[in-house]
């Protein structure tokens, strides 16, 4: 009987960001910024608050999602550059 030698693989794990979490955080931050703009912005008090909040959130949340995804993409690119390719 031959004794089997265990196989060892050298790996180099990289830490990739989780896009969904970054996009969710961007949406939350976009909503907070949107609400702050409604509350303290230059047009505060001129229009019905419900209409302004809806319009602002419909703009701020997608922008926040986009910026969160962009940050995650940039961090992912940075992690790819840091990881060394093993041959």
PDB file of N, CA and C in Angstrom:
ATOM      1  N   UNK A   1       0.824  -1.182   0.000  1.00  0.00           N
ATOM      2  CA  UNK A   1       0.000   0.000   0.000  1.00  0.00           C
ATOM      3  C   UNK A   1       0.867   1.243   0.000  1.00  0.00           C
ATOM      4  N   UNK A   2       0.432   2.122  -0.808  1.00  0.00           N
ATOM      5  CA  UNK A   2       1.148   3.392  -0.850  1.00  0.00           C
ATOM      6  C   UNK A   2       0.525   4.340   0.165  1.00  0.00           C
ATOM      7  N   UNK A   3       1.386   5.072   0.827  1.00  0.00           N
ATOM      8  CA  UNK A   3       0.840   6.078   1.747  1.00  0.00           C
ATOM      9  C   UNK A   3       0.535   7.338   0.952  1.00  0.00           C
ATOM     10  N   UNK A   4      -0.663   7.802   1.088  1.00  0.00           N
ATOM     11  CA  UNK A   4      -1.064   8.981   0.334  1.00  0.00           C
ATOM     12  C   UNK A   4      -0.579  10.237   1.043  1.00  0.00           C
ATOM     13  N   UNK A   5       0.070  11.049   0.285  1.00  0.00           N
ATOM     14  CA  UNK A   5       0.511  12.334   0.803  1.00  0.00           C
ATOM     15  C   UNK A   5      -0.617  13.348   0.605  1.00  0.00           C
ATOM     16  N   UNK A   6      -0.910  14.102   1.623  1.00  0.00           N
ATOM     17  CA  UNK A   6      -1.969  15.106   1.440  1.00  0.00           C
ATOM     18  C   UNK A   6      -1.500  16.202   0.475  1.00  0.00           C
ATOM     19  N   UNK A   7      -2.428  16.660  -0.328  1.00  0.00           N
ATOM     20  CA  UNK A   7      -2.102  17.721  -1.269  1.00  0.00           C
ATOM     21  C   UNK A   7      -2.324  19.069  -0.593  1.00  0.00           C
ATOM     22  N   UNK A   8      -1.367  19.946  -0.793  1.00  0.00           N
ATOM     23  CA  UNK A   8      -1.480  21.281  -0.234  1.00  0.00           C
ATOM     24  C   UNK A   8      -1.566  22.280  -1.365  1.00  0.00           C
ATOM     25  N   UNK A   9      -2.488  23.195  -1.233  1.00  0.00           N
ATOM     26  CA  UNK A   9      -2.633  24.249  -2.212  1.00  0.00           C
ATOM     27  C   UNK A   9      -2.338  25.582  -1.546  1.00  0.00           C
ATOM     28  N   UNK A  10      -1.531  26.354  -2.207  1.00  0.00           N
ATOM     29  CA  UNK A  10      -1.232  27.688  -1.698  1.00  0.00           C
ATOM     30  C   UNK A  10      -2.248  28.635  -2.318  1.00  0.00           C
ATOM     31  N   UNK A  11      -2.966  29.307  -1.475  1.00  0.00           N
ATOM     32  CA  UNK A  11      -3.971  30.248  -1.970  1.00  0.00           C
ATOM     33  C   UNK A  11      -3.669  31.628  -1.436  1.00  0.00           C
ATOM     34  N   UNK A  12      -4.173  32.577  -2.128  1.00  0.00           N
ATOM     35  CA  UNK A  12      -4.036  33.960  -1.711  1.00  0.00           C
ATOM     36  C   UNK A  12      -5.424  34.591  -1.732  1.00  0.00           C
ATOM     37  N   UNK A  13      -6.148  34.486  -0.628  1.00  0.00           N
ATOM     38  CA  UNK A  13      -7.507  35.030  -0.636  1.00  0.00           C
ATOM     39  C   UNK A  13      -7.479  36.554  -0.699  1.00  0.00           C
ATOM     40  N   UNK A  14      -8.446  37.093  -1.398  1.00  0.00           N
ATOM     41  CA  UNK A  14      -8.558  38.546  -1.438  1.00  0.00           C
ATOM     42  C   UNK A  14      -9.871  38.943  -0.797  1.00  0.00           C
ATOM     43  N   UNK A  15      -9.863  40.107  -0.239  1.00  0.00           N
ATOM     44  CA  UNK A  15     -11.050  40.589   0.450  1.00  0.00           C
ATOM     45  C   UNK A  15     -11.847  41.475  -0.501  1.00  0.00           C
ATOM     46  N   UNK A  16     -12.872  40.930  -1.079  1.00  0.00           N
ATOM     47  CA  UNK A  16     -13.726  41.674  -2.005  1.00  0.00           C
ATOM     48  C   UNK A  16     -14.893  42.277  -1.218  1.00  0.00           C
ATOM     49  N   UNK A  17     -15.260  43.499  -1.541  1.00  0.00           N
ATOM     50  CA  UNK A  17     -16.386  44.122  -0.840  1.00  0.00           C
ATOM     51  C   UNK A  17     -17.710  43.491  -1.255  1.00  0.00           C
ATOM     52  N   UNK A  18     -18.676  43.562  -0.383  1.00  0.00           N
ATOM     53  CA  UNK A  18     -20.016  43.056  -0.685  1.00  0.00           C
ATOM     54  C   UNK A  18     -20.835  44.214  -1.263  1.00  0.00           C
ATOM     55  N   UNK A  19     -21.149  44.101  -2.540  1.00  0.00           N
ATOM     56  CA  UNK A  19     -21.798  45.202  -3.255  1.00  0.00           C
ATOM     57  C   UNK A  19     -23.146  45.566  -2.661  1.00  0.00           C
ATOM     58  N   UNK A  20     -23.933  44.579  -2.277  1.00  0.00           N
ATOM     59  CA  UNK A  20     -25.263  44.839  -1.728  1.00  0.00           C
ATOM     60  C   UNK A  20     -25.226  45.686  -0.478  1.00  0.00           C
ATOM     61  N   UNK A  21     -24.254  45.418   0.369  1.00  0.00           N
ATOM     62  CA  UNK A  21     -24.133  46.195   1.608  1.00  0.00           C
ATOM     63  C   UNK A  21     -23.736  47.638   1.322  1.00  0.00           C
ATOM     64  N   UNK A  22     -22.825  47.813   0.384  1.00  0.00           N
ATOM     65  CA  UNK A  22     -22.425  49.170   0.024  1.00  0.00           C
ATOM     66  C   UNK A  22     -23.593  49.932  -0.602  1.00  0.00           C
ATOM     67  N   UNK A  23     -24.369  49.247  -1.444  1.00  0.00           N
ATOM     68  CA  UNK A  23     -25.506  49.905  -2.079  1.00  0.00           C
ATOM     69  C   UNK A  23     -26.593  50.234  -1.066  1.00  0.00           C
ATOM     70  N   UNK A  24     -26.824  49.340  -0.117  1.00  0.00           N
ATOM     71  CA  UNK A  24     -27.802  49.608   0.936  1.00  0.00           C
ATOM     72  C   UNK A  24     -27.363  50.793   1.792  1.00  0.00           C
ATOM     73  N   UNK A  25     -26.098  50.813   2.165  1.00  0.00           N
ATOM     74  CA  UNK A  25     -25.584  51.929   2.953  1.00  0.00           C
ATOM     75  C   UNK A  25     -25.684  53.233   2.166  1.00  0.00           C
ATOM     76  N   UNK A  26     -25.403  53.180   0.869  1.00  0.00           N
ATOM     77  CA  UNK A  26     -25.553  54.367   0.025  1.00  0.00           C
ATOM     78  C   UNK A  26     -26.992  54.840  -0.027  1.00  0.00           C
ATOM     79  N   UNK A  27     -27.945  53.907  -0.097  1.00  0.00           N
ATOM     80  CA  UNK A  27     -29.363  54.274  -0.113  1.00  0.00           C
ATOM     81  C   UNK A  27     -29.773  54.932   1.201  1.00  0.00           C
ATOM     82  N   UNK A  28     -29.308  54.383   2.310  1.00  0.00           N
ATOM     83  CA  UNK A  28     -29.643  54.960   3.615  1.00  0.00           C
ATOM     84  C   UNK A  28     -29.033  56.354   3.752  1.00  0.00           C
ATOM     85  N   UNK A  29     -27.768  56.490   3.377  1.00  0.00           N
ATOM     86  CA  UNK A  29     -27.132  57.801   3.463  1.00  0.00           C
ATOM     87  C   UNK A  29     -27.777  58.800   2.503  1.00  0.00           C
ATOM     88  N   UNK A  30     -28.174  58.332   1.314  1.00  0.00           N
ATOM     89  CA  UNK A  30     -28.873  59.201   0.373  1.00  0.00           C
ATOM     90  C   UNK A  30     -30.207  59.673   0.934  1.00  0.00           C
ATOM     91  N   UNK A  31     -30.937  58.778   1.606  1.00  0.00           N
ATOM     92  CA  UNK A  31     -32.203  59.157   2.221  1.00  0.00           C
ATOM     93  C   UNK A  31     -31.994  60.169   3.334  1.00  0.00           C
ATOM     94  N   UNK A  32     -30.965  59.973   4.138  1.00  0.00           N
ATOM     95  CA  UNK A  32     -30.677  60.918   5.226  1.00  0.00           C
ATOM     96  C   UNK A  32     -30.312  62.281   4.668  1.00  0.00           C
ATOM     97  N   UNK A  33     -29.452  62.301   3.661  1.00  0.00           N
ATOM     98  CA  UNK A  33     -29.068  63.572   3.040  1.00  0.00           C
ATOM     99  C   UNK A  33     -30.286  64.238   2.407  1.00  0.00           C
ATOM    100  N   UNK A  34     -31.124  63.457   1.744  1.00  0.00           N
ATOM    101  CA  UNK A  34     -32.335  63.999   1.140  1.00  0.00           C
ATOM    102  C   UNK A  34     -33.261  64.625   2.171  1.00  0.00           C
ATOM    103  N   UNK A  35     -33.439  63.940   3.288  1.00  0.00           N
ATOM    104  CA  UNK A  35     -34.290  64.486   4.344  1.00  0.00           C
ATOM    105  C   UNK A  35     -33.683  65.753   4.959  1.00  0.00           C
ATOM    106  N   UNK A  36     -32.369  65.790   5.093  1.00  0.00           N
ATOM    107  CA  UNK A  36     -31.724  67.000   5.611  1.00  0.00           C
ATOM    108  C   UNK A  36     -31.872  68.167   4.641  1.00  0.00           C
ATOM    109  N   UNK A  37     -31.815  67.885   3.355  1.00  0.00           N
ATOM    110  CA  UNK A  37     -32.005  68.937   2.353  1.00  0.00           C
ATOM    111  C   UNK A  37     -33.431  69.476   2.429  1.00  0.00           C
ATOM    112  N   UNK A  38     -34.393  68.591   2.605  1.00  0.00           N
ATOM    113  CA  UNK A  38     -35.785  69.025   2.707  1.00  0.00           C
ATOM    114  C   UNK A  38     -35.986  69.873   3.956  1.00  0.00           C
ATOM    115  N   UNK A  39     -35.411  69.434   5.054  1.00  0.00           N
ATOM    116  CA  UNK A  39     -35.625  70.114   6.328  1.00  0.00           C
ATOM    117  C   UNK A  39     -34.907  71.455   6.404  1.00  0.00           C
ATOM    118  N   UNK A  40     -33.666  71.524   5.933  1.00  0.00           N
ATOM    119  CA  UNK A  40     -32.861  72.725   6.127  1.00  0.00           C
ATOM    120  C   UNK A  40     -32.457  73.412   4.825  1.00  0.00           C
ATOM    121  N   UNK A  41     -32.979  72.946   3.705  1.00  0.00           N
ATOM    122  CA  UNK A  41     -32.598  73.487   2.405  1.00  0.00           C
ATOM    123  C   UNK A  41     -33.175  74.871   2.161  1.00  0.00           C
ATOM    124  N   UNK A  42     -32.831  75.452   1.015  1.00  0.00           N
ATOM    125  CA  UNK A  42     -33.265  76.818   0.722  1.00  0.00           C
ATOM    126  C   UNK A  42     -34.774  76.952   0.503  1.00  0.00           C
ATOM    127  N   UNK A  43     -35.458  75.897   0.095  1.00  0.00           N
ATOM    128  CA  UNK A  43     -36.891  75.978  -0.170  1.00  0.00           C
ATOM    129  C   UNK A  43     -37.742  75.412   0.947  1.00  0.00           C
ATOM    130  N   UNK A  44     -37.192  75.292   2.149  1.00  0.00           N
ATOM    131  CA  UNK A  44     -37.927  74.685   3.263  1.00  0.00           C
ATOM    132  C   UNK A  44     -39.129  75.551   3.629  1.00  0.00           C
ATOM    133  N   UNK A  45     -40.300  74.939   3.665  1.00  0.00           N
ATOM    134  CA  UNK A  45     -41.501  75.636   4.095  1.00  0.00           C
ATOM    135  C   UNK A  45     -42.349  76.197   2.971  1.00  0.00           C
ATOM    136  N   UNK A  46     -41.909  76.171   1.733  1.00  0.00           N
ATOM    137  CA  UNK A  46     -42.681  76.740   0.629  1.00  0.00           C
ATOM    138  C   UNK A  46     -43.679  75.751   0.037  1.00  0.00           C
ATOM    139  N   UNK A  47     -43.370  74.473   0.061  1.00  0.00           N
ATOM    140  CA  UNK A  47     -44.205  73.466  -0.575  1.00  0.00           C
ATOM    141  C   UNK A  47     -44.705  72.489   0.472  1.00  0.00           C
ATOM    142  N   UNK A  48     -45.652  71.651   0.077  1.00  0.00           N
ATOM    143  CA  UNK A  48     -46.148  70.615   0.980  1.00  0.00           C
ATOM    144  C   UNK A  48     -45.015  69.639   1.270  1.00  0.00           C
ATOM    145  N   UNK A  49     -44.832  69.323   2.523  1.00  0.00           N
ATOM    146  CA  UNK A  49     -43.681  68.526   2.955  1.00  0.00           C
ATOM    147  C   UNK A  49     -43.708  67.127   2.334  1.00  0.00           C
ATOM    148  N   UNK A  50     -44.860  66.527   2.169  1.00  0.00           N
ATOM    149  CA  UNK A  50     -44.941  65.179   1.602  1.00  0.00           C
ATOM    150  C   UNK A  50     -44.469  65.131   0.162  1.00  0.00           C
ATOM    151  N   UNK A  51     -44.851  66.138  -0.606  1.00  0.00           N
ATOM    152  CA  UNK A  51     -44.427  66.186  -2.003  1.00  0.00           C
ATOM    153  C   UNK A  51     -42.924  66.393  -2.129  1.00  0.00           C
ATOM    154  N   UNK A  52     -42.401  67.253  -1.299  1.00  0.00           N
ATOM    155  CA  UNK A  52     -40.972  67.559  -1.359  1.00  0.00           C
ATOM    156  C   UNK A  52     -40.151  66.356  -0.912  1.00  0.00           C
ATOM    157  N   UNK A  53     -40.583  65.701   0.150  1.00  0.00           N
ATOM    158  CA  UNK A  53     -39.859  64.522   0.647  1.00  0.00           C
ATOM    159  C   UNK A  53     -39.867  63.424  -0.412  1.00  0.00           C
ATOM    160  N   UNK A  54     -41.014  63.193  -1.030  1.00  0.00           N
ATOM    161  CA  UNK A  54     -41.100  62.153  -2.059  1.00  0.00           C
ATOM    162  C   UNK A  54     -40.186  62.462  -3.231  1.00  0.00           C
ATOM    163  N   UNK A  55     -40.232  63.684  -3.721  1.00  0.00           N
ATOM    164  CA  UNK A  55     -39.401  64.057  -4.862  1.00  0.00           C
ATOM    165  C   UNK A  55     -37.916  63.984  -4.518  1.00  0.00           C
ATOM    166  N   UNK A  56     -37.570  64.424  -3.339  1.00  0.00           N
ATOM    167  CA  UNK A  56     -36.162  64.410  -2.941  1.00  0.00           C
ATOM    168  C   UNK A  56     -35.661  62.984  -2.751  1.00  0.00           C
ATOM    169  N   UNK A  57     -36.475  62.142  -2.119  1.00  0.00           N
ATOM    170  CA  UNK A  57     -36.045  60.754  -1.913  1.00  0.00           C
ATOM    171  C   UNK A  57     -35.965  59.989  -3.224  1.00  0.00           C
ATOM    172  N   UNK A  58     -36.845  60.308  -4.169  1.00  0.00           N
ATOM    173  CA  UNK A  58     -36.776  59.646  -5.471  1.00  0.00           C
ATOM    174  C   UNK A  58     -35.503  60.018  -6.223  1.00  0.00           C
ATOM    175  N   UNK A  59     -34.882  61.101  -5.842  1.00  0.00           N
ATOM    176  CA  UNK A  59     -33.621  61.504  -6.460  1.00  0.00           C
ATOM    177  C   UNK A  59     -32.426  61.069  -5.623  1.00  0.00           C
ATOM    178  N   UNK A  60     -32.497  61.283  -4.308  1.00  0.00           N
ATOM    179  CA  UNK A  60     -31.338  61.067  -3.443  1.00  0.00           C
ATOM    180  C   UNK A  60     -31.018  59.586  -3.238  1.00  0.00           C
ATOM    181  N   UNK A  61     -32.022  58.740  -3.120  1.00  0.00           N
ATOM    182  CA  UNK A  61     -31.770  57.316  -2.863  1.00  0.00           C
ATOM    183  C   UNK A  61     -31.076  56.639  -4.048  1.00  0.00           C
ATOM    184  N   UNK A  62     -31.542  56.817  -5.304  1.00  0.00           N
ATOM    185  CA  UNK A  62     -30.797  56.207  -6.417  1.00  0.00           C
ATOM    186  C   UNK A  62     -29.373  56.756  -6.558  1.00  0.00           C
ATOM    187  N   UNK A  63     -29.195  58.035  -6.280  1.00  0.00           N
ATOM    188  CA  UNK A  63     -27.841  58.599  -6.333  1.00  0.00           C
ATOM    189  C   UNK A  63     -26.972  57.947  -5.257  1.00  0.00           C
ATOM    190  N   UNK A  64     -27.521  57.748  -4.070  1.00  0.00           N
ATOM    191  CA  UNK A  64     -26.780  57.076  -3.004  1.00  0.00           C
ATOM    192  C   UNK A  64     -26.444  55.636  -3.349  1.00  0.00           C
ATOM    193  N   UNK A  65     -27.383  54.940  -3.980  1.00  0.00           N
ATOM    194  CA  UNK A  65     -27.128  53.552  -4.405  1.00  0.00           C
ATOM    195  C   UNK A  65     -25.999  53.528  -5.439  1.00  0.00           C
ATOM    196  N   UNK A  66     -26.056  54.444  -6.388  1.00  0.00           N
ATOM    197  CA  UNK A  66     -25.011  54.512  -7.413  1.00  0.00           C
ATOM    198  C   UNK A  66     -23.649  54.804  -6.793  1.00  0.00           C
ATOM    199  N   UNK A  67     -23.597  55.766  -5.877  1.00  0.00           N
ATOM    200  CA  UNK A  67     -22.314  56.101  -5.252  1.00  0.00           C
ATOM    201  C   UNK A  67     -21.793  54.960  -4.381  1.00  0.00           C
ATOM    202  N   UNK A  68     -22.682  54.250  -3.690  1.00  0.00           N
ATOM    203  CA  UNK A  68     -22.270  53.091  -2.904  1.00  0.00           C
ATOM    204  C   UNK A  68     -21.693  51.995  -3.783  1.00  0.00           C
ATOM    205  N   UNK A  69     -22.329  51.741  -4.927  1.00  0.00           N
ATOM    206  CA  UNK A  69     -21.817  50.731  -5.861  1.00  0.00           C
ATOM    207  C   UNK A  69     -20.484  51.166  -6.455  1.00  0.00           C
ATOM    208  N   UNK A  70     -20.341  52.465  -6.720  1.00  0.00           N
ATOM    209  CA  UNK A  70     -19.084  52.982  -7.254  1.00  0.00           C
ATOM    210  C   UNK A  70     -17.942  52.819  -6.253  1.00  0.00           C
ATOM    211  N   UNK A  71     -18.209  53.104  -4.987  1.00  0.00           N
ATOM    212  CA  UNK A  71     -17.182  52.927  -3.945  1.00  0.00           C
ATOM    213  C   UNK A  71     -16.804  51.454  -3.832  1.00  0.00           C
ATOM    214  N   UNK A  72     -17.793  50.561  -3.858  1.00  0.00           N
ATOM    215  CA  UNK A  72     -17.504  49.121  -3.782  1.00  0.00           C
ATOM    216  C   UNK A  72     -16.682  48.668  -4.981  1.00  0.00           C
ATOM    217  N   UNK A  73     -17.011  49.178  -6.160  1.00  0.00           N
ATOM    218  CA  UNK A  73     -16.260  48.814  -7.359  1.00  0.00           C
ATOM    219  C   UNK A  73     -14.814  49.284  -7.270  1.00  0.00           C
ATOM    220  N   UNK A  74     -14.608  50.500  -6.789  1.00  0.00           N
ATOM    221  CA  UNK A  74     -13.244  51.014  -6.644  1.00  0.00           C
ATOM    222  C   UNK A  74     -12.450  50.218  -5.609  1.00  0.00           C
ATOM    223  N   UNK A  75     -13.099  49.852  -4.508  1.00  0.00           N
ATOM    224  CA  UNK A  75     -12.417  49.034  -3.502  1.00  0.00           C
ATOM    225  C   UNK A  75     -12.108  47.637  -4.039  1.00  0.00           C
ATOM    226  N   UNK A  76     -12.993  47.105  -4.870  1.00  0.00           N
ATOM    227  CA  UNK A  76     -12.750  45.797  -5.477  1.00  0.00           C
ATOM    228  C   UNK A  76     -11.563  45.860  -6.420  1.00  0.00           C
ATOM    229  N   UNK A  77     -11.481  46.916  -7.211  1.00  0.00           N
ATOM    230  CA  UNK A  77     -10.326  47.081  -8.108  1.00  0.00           C
ATOM    231  C   UNK A  77      -9.035  47.190  -7.312  1.00  0.00           C
ATOM    232  N   UNK A  78      -9.096  47.918  -6.205  1.00  0.00           N
ATOM    233  CA  UNK A  78      -7.910  48.078  -5.360  1.00  0.00           C
ATOM    234  C   UNK A  78      -7.484  46.739  -4.766  1.00  0.00           C
ATOM    235  N   UNK A  79      -8.459  45.907  -4.368  1.00  0.00           N
ATOM    236  CA  UNK A  79      -8.106  44.607  -3.798  1.00  0.00           C
ATOM    237  C   UNK A  79      -7.533  43.679  -4.861  1.00  0.00           C
ATOM    238  N   UNK A  80      -7.980  43.830  -6.117  1.00  0.00           N
ATOM    239  CA  UNK A  80      -7.409  43.018  -7.194  1.00  0.00           C
ATOM    240  C   UNK A  80      -5.950  43.379  -7.443  1.00  0.00           C
ATOM    241  N   UNK A  81      -5.629  44.669  -7.359  1.00  0.00           N
ATOM    242  CA  UNK A  81      -4.249  45.090  -7.567  1.00  0.00           C
ATOM    243  C   UNK A  81      -3.343  44.607  -6.442  1.00  0.00           C
ATOM    244  N   UNK A  82      -3.894  44.555  -5.223  1.00  0.00           N
ATOM    245  CA  UNK A  82      -3.086  44.118  -4.074  1.00  0.00           C
ATOM    246  C   UNK A  82      -2.828  42.627  -4.077  1.00  0.00           C
ATOM    247  N   UNK A  83      -3.774  41.859  -4.596  1.00  0.00           N
ATOM    248  CA  UNK A  83      -3.596  40.406  -4.578  1.00  0.00           C
ATOM    249  C   UNK A  83      -2.521  40.009  -5.579  1.00  0.00           C
ATOM    250  N   UNK A  84      -1.674  39.116  -5.143  1.00  0.00           N
ATOM    251  CA  UNK A  84      -0.577  38.651  -6.006  1.00  0.00           C
ATOM    252  C   UNK A  84      -1.028  37.397  -6.720  1.00  0.00           C
ATOM    253  N   UNK A  85      -0.657  37.285  -7.938  1.00  0.00           N
ATOM    254  CA  UNK A  85      -1.006  36.094  -8.695  1.00  0.00           C
ATOM    255  C   UNK A  85       0.027  35.018  -8.418  1.00  0.00           C
ATOM    256  N   UNK A  86      -0.449  33.873  -7.985  1.00  0.00           N
ATOM    257  CA  UNK A  86       0.442  32.756  -7.709  1.00  0.00           C
ATOM    258  C   UNK A  86       0.418  31.782  -8.872  1.00  0.00           C
ATOM    259  N   UNK A  87       1.564  31.367  -9.309  1.00  0.00           N
ATOM    260  CA  UNK A  87       1.663  30.408 -10.417  1.00  0.00           C
ATOM    261  C   UNK A  87       1.998  29.033  -9.924  1.00  0.00           C
TER     262      UNK A  87
END
